[in-house]
C-alpha atoms as a PDB file:
ATOM      1  CA  UNK A   1      97.973  32.812 -20.700  1.00  0.00           C
ATOM      2  CA  UNK A   2      95.683  30.537 -18.546  1.00  0.00           C
ATOM      3  CA  UNK A   3      95.645  30.503 -14.649  1.00  0.00           C
ATOM      4  CA  UNK A   4      97.949  27.433 -14.452  1.00  0.00           C
ATOM      5  CA  UNK A   5     100.557  29.048 -16.595  1.00  0.00           C
ATOM      6  CA  UNK A   6     100.222  32.232 -14.796  1.00  0.00           C
ATOM      7  CA  UNK A   7     100.700  30.716 -11.332  1.00  0.00           C
ATOM      8  CA  UNK A   8     103.820  28.857 -12.422  1.00  0.00           C
ATOM      9  CA  UNK A   9     105.263  31.988 -14.151  1.00  0.00           C
ATOM     10  CA  UNK A  10     105.008  34.163 -11.257  1.00  0.00           C
ATOM     11  CA  UNK A  11     106.481  31.486  -8.988  1.00  0.00           C
ATOM     12  CA  UNK A  12     109.382  31.099 -11.461  1.00  0.00           C
ATOM     13  CA  UNK A  13     109.822  34.823 -11.535  1.00  0.00           C
ATOM     14  CA  UNK A  14     110.040  34.977  -7.742  1.00  0.00           C
ATOM     15  CA  UNK A  15     113.047  32.818  -7.702  1.00  0.00           C
ATOM     16  CA  UNK A  16     114.488  33.951 -11.076  1.00  0.00           C
ATOM     17  CA  UNK A  17     114.709  30.402 -12.108  1.00  0.00           C
ATOM     18  CA  UNK A  18     112.153  27.567 -12.681  1.00  0.00           C
ATOM     19  CA  UNK A  19     110.618  25.724  -9.745  1.00  0.00           C
ATOM     20  CA  UNK A  20     111.364  22.052  -9.307  1.00  0.00           C
ATOM     21  CA  UNK A  21     109.791  19.722 -11.670  1.00  0.00           C
ATOM     22  CA  UNK A  22     107.679  17.677  -9.201  1.00  0.00           C
ATOM     23  CA  UNK A  23     106.190  20.918  -7.912  1.00  0.00           C
ATOM     24  CA  UNK A  24     105.570  22.291 -11.302  1.00  0.00           C
ATOM     25  CA  UNK A  25     103.841  18.922 -12.311  1.00  0.00           C
ATOM     26  CA  UNK A  26     101.844  19.045  -9.239  1.00  0.00           C
ATOM     27  CA  UNK A  27     100.637  22.666 -10.140  1.00  0.00           C
ATOM     28  CA  UNK A  28      99.610  21.729 -13.303  1.00  0.00           C
ATOM     29  CA  UNK A  29      97.428  18.910 -12.061  1.00  0.00           C
ATOM     30  CA  UNK A  30      95.785  21.103  -9.388  1.00  0.00           C
ATOM     31  CA  UNK A  31      95.594  24.780 -10.130  1.00  0.00           C
ATOM     32  CA  UNK A  32      92.250  24.672 -11.685  1.00  0.00           C
ATOM     33  CA  UNK A  33      90.889  21.816  -9.645  1.00  0.00           C
ATOM     34  CA  UNK A  34      91.635  23.823  -6.162  1.00  0.00           C
ATOM     35  CA  UNK A  35      91.292  27.169  -7.621  1.00  0.00           C
ATOM     36  CA  UNK A  36      94.776  28.153  -6.924  1.00  0.00           C
ATOM     37  CA  UNK A  37      95.796  31.946  -7.100  1.00  0.00           C
ATOM     38  CA  UNK A  38      99.157  33.620  -6.559  1.00  0.00           C
ATOM     39  CA  UNK A  39      99.914  37.237  -5.335  1.00  0.00           C
ATOM     40  CA  UNK A  40     102.716  38.751  -7.533  1.00  0.00           C
ATOM     41  CA  UNK A  41     103.892  40.993  -4.826  1.00  0.00           C
ATOM     42  CA  UNK A  42     104.013  38.396  -2.103  1.00  0.00           C
ATOM     43  CA  UNK A  43     104.597  35.009  -3.095  1.00  0.00           C
ATOM     44  CA  UNK A  44     107.510  33.595  -1.156  1.00  0.00           C
ATOM     45  CA  UNK A  45     107.509  32.313   2.718  1.00  0.00           C
ATOM     46  CA  UNK A  46     110.203  31.049   4.911  1.00  0.00           C
ATOM     47  CA  UNK A  47     110.334  28.274   7.552  1.00  0.00           C
ATOM     48  CA  UNK A  48     108.776  30.736  10.139  1.00  0.00           C
ATOM     49  CA  UNK A  49     105.715  31.337   7.805  1.00  0.00           C
ATOM     50  CA  UNK A  50     105.311  27.611   7.300  1.00  0.00           C
ATOM     51  CA  UNK A  51     105.408  26.912  11.069  1.00  0.00           C
ATOM     52  CA  UNK A  52     102.815  29.709  11.793  1.00  0.00           C
ATOM     53  CA  UNK A  53     100.390  28.476   8.925  1.00  0.00           C
ATOM     54  CA  UNK A  54     100.757  24.697   9.487  1.00  0.00           C
ATOM     55  CA  UNK A  55      98.277  24.547  12.127  1.00  0.00           C
ATOM     56  CA  UNK A  56      95.638  26.426  10.314  1.00  0.00           C
ATOM     57  CA  UNK A  57      92.619  24.522   8.928  1.00  0.00           C
ATOM     58  CA  UNK A  58      92.605  24.270   4.960  1.00  0.00           C
ATOM     59  CA  UNK A  59      96.574  24.621   4.920  1.00  0.00           C
ATOM     60  CA  UNK A  60      98.532  22.325   2.331  1.00  0.00           C
ATOM     61  CA  UNK A  61     102.247  21.815   2.050  1.00  0.00           C
ATOM     62  CA  UNK A  62     103.505  20.246  -0.951  1.00  0.00           C
ATOM     63  CA  UNK A  63     107.163  19.038  -1.275  1.00  0.00           C
ATOM     64  CA  UNK A  64     108.543  17.095  -4.137  1.00  0.00           C
ATOM     65  CA  UNK A  65     105.079  17.094  -5.621  1.00  0.00           C
ATOM     66  CA  UNK A  66     103.491  15.352  -2.666  1.00  0.00           C
ATOM     67  CA  UNK A  67     101.347  16.434   0.281  1.00  0.00           C
ATOM     68  CA  UNK A  68     103.435  16.812   3.581  1.00  0.00           C
ATOM     69  CA  UNK A  69     101.165  15.332   6.180  1.00  0.00           C
ATOM     70  CA  UNK A  70     103.307  15.704   9.258  1.00  0.00           C
ATOM     71  CA  UNK A  71     105.647  18.343  10.586  1.00  0.00           C
ATOM     72  CA  UNK A  72     108.628  15.797  10.713  1.00  0.00           C
ATOM     73  CA  UNK A  73     108.168  15.088   7.027  1.00  0.00           C
ATOM     74  CA  UNK A  74     108.965  18.514   6.072  1.00  0.00           C
ATOM     75  CA  UNK A  75     112.373  19.014   4.884  1.00  0.00           C
ATOM     76  CA  UNK A  76     113.651  22.683   5.192  1.00  0.00           C
ATOM     77  CA  UNK A  77     116.451  21.925   2.634  1.00  0.00           C
ATOM     78  CA  UNK A  78     114.070  21.406  -0.331  1.00  0.00           C
ATOM     79  CA  UNK A  79     111.840  23.645  -2.101  1.00  0.00           C
ATOM     80  CA  UNK A  80     107.969  23.531  -1.125  1.00  0.00           C
ATOM     81  CA  UNK A  81     104.625  25.047  -1.985  1.00  0.00           C
ATOM     82  CA  UNK A  82     102.533  26.487   0.933  1.00  0.00           C
ATOM     83  CA  UNK A  83      98.764  26.728   0.042  1.00  0.00           C
ATOM     84  CA  UNK A  84      96.609  28.760   2.251  1.00  0.00           C
ATOM     85  CA  UNK A  85      92.709  28.804   2.133  1.00  0.00           C
ATOM     86  CA  UNK A  86      91.901  32.117   0.554  1.00  0.00           C
ATOM     87  CA  UNK A  87      89.359  34.143   2.732  1.00  0.00           C
ATOM     88  CA  UNK A  88      85.832  32.410   2.589  1.00  0.00           C
ATOM     89  CA  UNK A  89      86.150  31.326  -1.136  1.00  0.00           C
ATOM     90  CA  UNK A  90      86.743  27.843  -2.194  1.00  0.00           C
ATOM     91  CA  UNK A  91      90.388  28.847  -3.398  1.00  0.00           C
ATOM     92  CA  UNK A  92      93.922  28.907  -2.094  1.00  0.00           C
ATOM     93  CA  UNK A  93      96.795  31.087  -2.318  1.00  0.00           C
ATOM     94  CA  UNK A  94      99.950  29.668  -3.136  1.00  0.00           C
ATOM     95  CA  UNK A  95     103.421  30.614  -1.636  1.00  0.00           C
ATOM     96  CA  UNK A  96     106.802  29.348  -2.599  1.00  0.00           C
ATOM     97  CA  UNK A  97     109.414  28.254   0.014  1.00  0.00           C
ATOM     98  CA  UNK A  98     112.983  27.934  -1.334  1.00  0.00           C
ATOM     99  CA  UNK A  99     115.854  26.993   1.034  1.00  0.00           C
ATOM    100  CA  UNK A 100     118.711  29.237   1.318  1.00  0.00           C
ATOM    101  CA  UNK A 101     121.467  28.740  -1.178  1.00  0.00           C
END
């Protein structure tokens, strides 16, 4: 299994269902390019985590397969991917936000 498939599989398993197609497509395009990693034990975030990480340099928020530039553009009722710069490496850790159902 390659890195892209691994990242997507871990995120799918965290929900017990597939992540939304636009976010899955974005990951397929960017996992290798951005050196995205995932932590099996801790890959889910909530709105408080997103708000806390938003101001950090290197943080990327993806919703509907697009980069969310402004806080007002984040929709808490839609799935999102939060990418946080991983230590001093040129890599990111990805976390999944899923709205309460």
